[in-house]
Amino acid sequence: MSARAPLSKYVIRMAGIVPESYVDGPGVRYTIFVQGCPHQCSGCHNSDTWDFFGGTSFTADELLEKIAFAKKENPYLQGVTITGGEPFCQAYPLAHLAKGIKELDCDLVVYTGYILENLAEVPSAIEFLEHIDVLIDGPFVQEKKVLTLPYRGSTNQRILDKKAIEKFLRDYKLKALSSAL
């Protein structure tokens, strides 16, 4: 890894980790479940992650060590998935973790109950989005549940690739720049 500031001050509230997942994105994934969710979607299969005071705290450094070890142990590990709970409720420390994940040469998939177009209003979301390769957005909607959808639970959820995320970021920055003029 390149030299960077220590990530020990970036604390992430976690519900759990699955070091080898085959369902949370393409390839073999290291999946991190964050704790705390304001959406509380009816029918959510991770309702134990809703409580913001539940789970365990880890620093970004501790998580990067775990990911690096998992990658060393399993050469087929393609990337990391961050799900929840709601990752964007912890966007600031997760942005720093995401930067470290990219330095480990892992791709990053993130699930959110927000839709991309509303994330600009979430503190530190833009910084977090800059490191995400695939964003799966939108709340789970029980009435739109389809069990055969790849990586999603309901038809309203979108799989947005890096190109779509970069377009959103460019448009956001252009709008911010034109507003400042």
C-alpha atoms as a PDB file:
ATOM      1  CA  MET A   1       0.000   0.000   0.000  1.00  0.00           C
ATOM      2  CA  SER A   2       1.109   3.572  -0.584  1.00  0.00           C
ATOM      3  CA  ALA A   3       1.800   5.916   2.313  1.00  0.00           C
ATOM      4  CA  ARG A   4      -1.335   7.459   3.776  1.00  0.00           C
ATOM      5  CA  ALA A   5      -2.608   8.831   7.037  1.00  0.00           C
ATOM      6  CA  PRO A   6      -3.470   6.172   9.634  1.00  0.00           C
ATOM      7  CA  LEU A   7      -7.087   5.094   9.398  1.00  0.00           C
ATOM      8  CA  SER A   8      -7.398   4.236  13.085  1.00  0.00           C
ATOM      9  CA  LYS A   9      -9.465   7.358  13.704  1.00  0.00           C
ATOM     10  CA  TYR A  10     -12.110   6.253  11.191  1.00  0.00           C
ATOM     11  CA  VAL A  11     -14.498   4.072  13.180  1.00  0.00           C
ATOM     12  CA  ILE A  12     -17.162   2.005  11.445  1.00  0.00           C
ATOM     13  CA  ARG A  13     -20.108   0.434  13.245  1.00  0.00           C
ATOM     14  CA  MET A  14     -20.466  -3.103  11.924  1.00  0.00           C
ATOM     15  CA  ALA A  15     -23.125  -5.810  12.037  1.00  0.00           C
ATOM     16  CA  GLY A  16     -20.844  -8.496  10.637  1.00  0.00           C
ATOM     17  CA  ILE A  17     -18.478  -9.814   7.992  1.00  0.00           C
ATOM     18  CA  VAL A  18     -18.723 -12.661   5.496  1.00  0.00           C
ATOM     19  CA  PRO A  19     -15.150 -13.274   4.287  1.00  0.00           C
ATOM     20  CA  GLU A  20     -16.235 -15.312   1.237  1.00  0.00           C
ATOM     21  CA  SER A  21     -19.572 -14.444  -0.338  1.00  0.00           C
ATOM     22  CA  TYR A  22     -20.800 -15.567  -3.740  1.00  0.00           C
ATOM     23  CA  VAL A  23     -24.105 -13.648  -3.755  1.00  0.00           C
ATOM     24  CA  ASP A  24     -23.206 -10.031  -2.907  1.00  0.00           C
ATOM     25  CA  GLY A  25     -21.749  -9.048  -6.270  1.00  0.00           C
ATOM     26  CA  PRO A  26     -19.623 -10.517  -9.041  1.00  0.00           C
ATOM     27  CA  GLY A  27     -17.042 -13.165  -8.179  1.00  0.00           C
ATOM     28  CA  VAL A  28     -15.879 -13.999  -4.687  1.00  0.00           C
ATOM     29  CA  ARG A  29     -16.570 -11.059  -2.325  1.00  0.00           C
ATOM     30  CA  TYR A  30     -15.466  -9.985   1.126  1.00  0.00           C
ATOM     31  CA  THR A  31     -18.773  -8.636   2.446  1.00  0.00           C
ATOM     32  CA  ILE A  32     -19.058  -6.060   5.200  1.00  0.00           C
ATOM     33  CA  PHE A  33     -22.447  -5.473   6.834  1.00  0.00           C
ATOM     34  CA  VAL A  34     -22.616  -2.045   8.451  1.00  0.00           C
ATOM     35  CA  GLN A  35     -24.870  -1.313  11.403  1.00  0.00           C
ATOM     36  CA  GLY A  36     -27.702   1.208  11.346  1.00  0.00           C
ATOM     37  CA  CYS A  37     -30.385   1.908   8.774  1.00  0.00           C
ATOM     38  CA  PRO A  38     -32.987   4.687   8.582  1.00  0.00           C
ATOM     39  CA  HIS A  39     -34.932   3.054   5.714  1.00  0.00           C
ATOM     40  CA  GLN A  40     -36.239  -0.004   7.624  1.00  0.00           C
ATOM     41  CA  CYS A  41     -37.772  -1.517   4.486  1.00  0.00           C
ATOM     42  CA  SER A  42     -40.674  -3.904   5.024  1.00  0.00           C
ATOM     43  CA  GLY A  43     -39.461  -7.445   4.312  1.00  0.00           C
ATOM     44  CA  CYS A  44     -35.778  -6.547   4.683  1.00  0.00           C
ATOM     45  CA  HIS A  45     -33.663  -9.668   5.182  1.00  0.00           C
ATOM     46  CA  ASN A  46     -31.106  -7.690   7.237  1.00  0.00           C
ATOM     47  CA  SER A  47     -33.440  -6.132   9.812  1.00  0.00           C
ATOM     48  CA  ASP A  48     -30.945  -6.994  12.566  1.00  0.00           C
ATOM     49  CA  THR A  49     -28.744  -4.220  11.088  1.00  0.00           C
ATOM     50  CA  TRP A  50     -31.288  -1.418  11.622  1.00  0.00           C
ATOM     51  CA  ASP A  51     -30.312  -0.429  15.176  1.00  0.00           C
ATOM     52  CA  PHE A  52     -27.665   2.315  15.060  1.00  0.00           C
ATOM     53  CA  PHE A  53     -26.456   1.295  18.538  1.00  0.00           C
ATOM     54  CA  GLY A  54     -26.079  -2.418  17.766  1.00  0.00           C
ATOM     55  CA  GLY A  55     -23.117  -4.259  16.340  1.00  0.00           C
ATOM     56  CA  THR A  56     -19.412  -3.756  16.951  1.00  0.00           C
ATOM     57  CA  SER A  57     -16.990  -0.962  16.139  1.00  0.00           C
ATOM     58  CA  PHE A  58     -13.927  -1.495  13.962  1.00  0.00           C
ATOM     59  CA  THR A  59     -11.427   1.015  12.657  1.00  0.00           C
ATOM     60  CA  ALA A  60     -10.809   1.284   8.938  1.00  0.00           C
ATOM     61  CA  ASP A  61      -7.255   0.018   9.593  1.00  0.00           C
ATOM     62  CA  GLU A  62      -8.566  -3.118  11.303  1.00  0.00           C
ATOM     63  CA  LEU A  63     -10.914  -3.833   8.414  1.00  0.00           C
ATOM     64  CA  LEU A  64      -8.186  -3.260   5.812  1.00  0.00           C
ATOM     65  CA  GLU A  65      -5.951  -5.732   7.651  1.00  0.00           C
ATOM     66  CA  LYS A  66      -8.766  -8.299   7.589  1.00  0.00           C
ATOM     67  CA  ILE A  67      -9.384  -7.722   3.874  1.00  0.00           C
ATOM     68  CA  ALA A  68      -5.660  -7.915   3.034  1.00  0.00           C
ATOM     69  CA  PHE A  69      -5.387 -11.186   4.969  1.00  0.00           C
ATOM     70  CA  ALA A  70      -8.469 -12.614   3.210  1.00  0.00           C
ATOM     71  CA  LYS A  71      -7.064 -11.615  -0.179  1.00  0.00           C
ATOM     72  CA  LYS A  72      -3.750 -13.287   0.650  1.00  0.00           C
ATOM     73  CA  GLU A  73      -5.544 -16.459   1.802  1.00  0.00           C
ATOM     74  CA  ASN A  74      -7.901 -16.603  -1.192  1.00  0.00           C
ATOM     75  CA  PRO A  75      -6.384 -15.567  -4.534  1.00  0.00           C
ATOM     76  CA  TYR A  76      -9.884 -15.754  -6.071  1.00  0.00           C
ATOM     77  CA  LEU A  77     -11.169 -12.892  -3.887  1.00  0.00           C
ATOM     78  CA  GLN A  78     -12.220 -10.299  -6.451  1.00  0.00           C
ATOM     79  CA  GLY A  79     -13.497  -7.506  -4.309  1.00  0.00           C
ATOM     80  CA  VAL A  80     -15.345  -6.094  -1.355  1.00  0.00           C
ATOM     81  CA  THR A  81     -19.061  -5.490  -0.932  1.00  0.00           C
ATOM     82  CA  ILE A  82     -20.381  -3.043   1.661  1.00  0.00           C
ATOM     83  CA  THR A  83     -24.027  -3.505   2.520  1.00  0.00           C
ATOM     84  CA  GLY A  84     -26.117  -3.034   5.586  1.00  0.00           C
ATOM     85  CA  GLY A  85     -27.652  -1.458   7.273  1.00  0.00           C
ATOM     86  CA  GLU A  86     -27.172   1.707   5.273  1.00  0.00           C
ATOM     87  CA  PRO A  87     -23.542   2.357   4.272  1.00  0.00           C
ATOM     88  CA  PHE A  88     -24.152   6.012   3.455  1.00  0.00           C
ATOM     89  CA  CYS A  89     -25.054   6.696   7.103  1.00  0.00           C
ATOM     90  CA  GLN A  90     -21.329   6.120   7.700  1.00  0.00           C
ATOM     91  CA  ALA A  91     -20.094   7.648   4.436  1.00  0.00           C
ATOM     92  CA  TYR A  92     -17.196   9.573   5.994  1.00  0.00           C
ATOM     93  CA  PRO A  93     -15.299   6.639   7.536  1.00  0.00           C
ATOM     94  CA  LEU A  94     -16.347   4.337   4.683  1.00  0.00           C
ATOM     95  CA  ALA A  95     -14.901   6.769   2.101  1.00  0.00           C
ATOM     96  CA  HIS A  96     -11.538   6.359   3.817  1.00  0.00           C
ATOM     97  CA  LEU A  97     -11.947   2.590   3.989  1.00  0.00           C
ATOM     98  CA  ALA A  98     -12.935   2.537   0.293  1.00  0.00           C
ATOM     99  CA  LYS A  99      -9.731   4.356  -0.659  1.00  0.00           C
ATOM    100  CA  GLY A 100      -7.725   1.668   1.146  1.00  0.00           C
ATOM    101  CA  ILE A 101      -9.752  -1.091  -0.511  1.00  0.00           C
ATOM    102  CA  LYS A 102      -8.841   0.305  -3.929  1.00  0.00           C
ATOM    103  CA  GLU A 103      -5.160   0.363  -2.874  1.00  0.00           C
ATOM    104  CA  LEU A 104      -5.501  -3.394  -2.187  1.00  0.00           C
ATOM    105  CA  ASP A 105      -6.524  -3.780  -5.851  1.00  0.00           C
ATOM    106  CA  CYS A 106     -10.069  -4.882  -4.996  1.00  0.00           C
ATOM    107  CA  ASP A 107     -13.200  -3.694  -6.734  1.00  0.00           C
ATOM    108  CA  LEU A 108     -15.938  -2.221  -4.555  1.00  0.00           C
ATOM    109  CA  VAL A 109     -19.687  -2.873  -4.668  1.00  0.00           C
ATOM    110  CA  VAL A 110     -21.960  -0.884  -2.343  1.00  0.00           C
ATOM    111  CA  TYR A 111     -25.662  -1.386  -1.610  1.00  0.00           C
ATOM    112  CA  THR A 112     -27.793   1.570  -0.546  1.00  0.00           C
ATOM    113  CA  GLY A 113     -31.455   2.231   0.140  1.00  0.00           C
ATOM    114  CA  TYR A 114     -30.990   5.757  -1.222  1.00  0.00           C
ATOM    115  CA  ILE A 115     -31.195   6.435  -4.937  1.00  0.00           C
ATOM    116  CA  LEU A 116     -28.056   7.830  -6.537  1.00  0.00           C
ATOM    117  CA  GLU A 117     -29.676  11.130  -7.460  1.00  0.00           C
ATOM    118  CA  ASN A 118     -30.403  11.879  -3.778  1.00  0.00           C
ATOM    119  CA  LEU A 119     -26.971  10.966  -2.414  1.00  0.00           C
ATOM    120  CA  ALA A 120     -25.514  14.441  -3.015  1.00  0.00           C
ATOM    121  CA  GLU A 121     -27.557  15.562   0.008  1.00  0.00           C
ATOM    122  CA  VAL A 122     -25.909  12.951   2.275  1.00  0.00           C
ATOM    123  CA  PRO A 123     -22.766  14.201   4.075  1.00  0.00           C
ATOM    124  CA  SER A 124     -19.528  12.705   2.634  1.00  0.00           C
ATOM    125  CA  ALA A 125     -21.454  10.673   0.038  1.00  0.00           C
ATOM    126  CA  ILE A 126     -19.604  12.270  -2.879  1.00  0.00           C
ATOM    127  CA  GLU A 127     -16.211  11.307  -1.407  1.00  0.00           C
ATOM    128  CA  PHE A 128     -17.451   7.737  -0.868  1.00  0.00           C
ATOM    129  CA  LEU A 129     -18.929   7.471  -4.385  1.00  0.00           C
ATOM    130  CA  GLU A 130     -15.558   8.374  -5.923  1.00  0.00           C
ATOM    131  CA  HIS A 131     -14.203   4.932  -4.918  1.00  0.00           C
ATOM    132  CA  ILE A 132     -17.231   2.756  -5.760  1.00  0.00           C
ATOM    133  CA  ASP A 133     -17.183   0.525  -8.861  1.00  0.00           C
ATOM    134  CA  VAL A 134     -20.795  -0.700  -8.669  1.00  0.00           C
ATOM    135  CA  LEU A 135     -23.650   0.904  -6.734  1.00  0.00           C
ATOM    136  CA  ILE A 136     -26.868  -1.000  -6.165  1.00  0.00           C
ATOM    137  CA  ASP A 137     -29.364   1.677  -5.215  1.00  0.00           C
ATOM    138  CA  GLY A 138     -32.948   1.974  -4.088  1.00  0.00           C
ATOM    139  CA  PRO A 139     -34.914   0.674  -1.124  1.00  0.00           C
ATOM    140  CA  PHE A 140     -36.138  -2.900  -1.024  1.00  0.00           C
ATOM    141  CA  VAL A 141     -39.854  -2.894  -1.932  1.00  0.00           C
ATOM    142  CA  GLN A 142     -41.679  -6.032  -0.820  1.00  0.00           C
ATOM    143  CA  GLU A 143     -44.354  -5.657  -3.518  1.00  0.00           C
ATOM    144  CA  LYS A 144     -41.629  -5.632  -6.208  1.00  0.00           C
ATOM    145  CA  LYS A 145     -39.678  -8.580  -4.816  1.00  0.00           C
ATOM    146  CA  VAL A 146     -38.262 -10.970  -7.434  1.00  0.00           C
ATOM    147  CA  LEU A 147     -36.073 -13.825  -6.236  1.00  0.00           C
ATOM    148  CA  THR A 148     -34.306 -14.320  -9.574  1.00  0.00           C
ATOM    149  CA  LEU A 149     -32.850 -10.814  -9.921  1.00  0.00           C
ATOM    150  CA  PRO A 150     -29.059 -10.806  -9.872  1.00  0.00           C
ATOM    151  CA  TYR A 151     -27.719  -8.965  -6.793  1.00  0.00           C
ATOM    152  CA  ARG A 152     -31.056  -7.249  -6.012  1.00  0.00           C
ATOM    153  CA  GLY A 153     -34.186  -8.049  -4.091  1.00  0.00           C
ATOM    154  CA  SER A 154     -36.765  -5.918  -5.888  1.00  0.00           C
ATOM    155  CA  THR A 155     -37.240  -4.593  -9.420  1.00  0.00           C
ATOM    156  CA  ASN A 156     -36.958  -0.922  -8.435  1.00  0.00           C
ATOM    157  CA  GLN A 157     -33.326  -1.385  -7.389  1.00  0.00           C
ATOM    158  CA  ARG A 158     -30.707  -0.486  -9.987  1.00  0.00           C
ATOM    159  CA  ILE A 159     -27.216  -1.798 -10.670  1.00  0.00           C
ATOM    160  CA  LEU A 160     -25.122   1.253 -11.561  1.00  0.00           C
ATOM    161  CA  ASP A 161     -21.635   0.730 -12.968  1.00  0.00           C
ATOM    162  CA  LYS A 162     -18.587   2.963 -12.617  1.00  0.00           C
ATOM    163  CA  LYS A 163     -19.497   4.836 -15.804  1.00  0.00           C
ATOM    164  CA  ALA A 164     -22.933   5.815 -14.413  1.00  0.00           C
ATOM    165  CA  ILE A 165     -21.412   6.831 -11.064  1.00  0.00           C
ATOM    166  CA  GLU A 166     -18.728   8.943 -12.785  1.00  0.00           C
ATOM    167  CA  LYS A 167     -21.386  10.667 -14.934  1.00  0.00           C
ATOM    168  CA  PHE A 168     -23.373  11.496 -11.799  1.00  0.00           C
ATOM    169  CA  LEU A 169     -20.211  12.859 -10.107  1.00  0.00           C
ATOM    170  CA  ARG A 170     -19.279  14.956 -13.174  1.00  0.00           C
ATOM    171  CA  ASP A 171     -22.804  16.397 -13.410  1.00  0.00           C
ATOM    172  CA  TYR A 172     -22.834  17.097  -9.671  1.00  0.00           C
ATOM    173  CA  LYS A 173     -19.473  18.913  -9.813  1.00  0.00           C
ATOM    174  CA  LEU A 174     -20.491  20.925 -12.878  1.00  0.00           C
ATOM    175  CA  LYS A 175     -23.713  21.966 -11.170  1.00  0.00           C
ATOM    176  CA  ALA A 176     -21.798  22.940  -8.021  1.00  0.00           C
ATOM    177  CA  LEU A 177     -19.289  24.907 -10.073  1.00  0.00           C
ATOM    178  CA  SER A 178     -21.955  26.765 -12.057  1.00  0.00           C
ATOM    179  CA  SER A 179     -23.798  27.584  -8.812  1.00  0.00           C
ATOM    180  CA  ALA A 180     -20.602  29.083  -7.403  1.00  0.00           C
ATOM    181  CA  LEU A 181     -20.155  31.420 -10.393  1.00  0.00           C
END
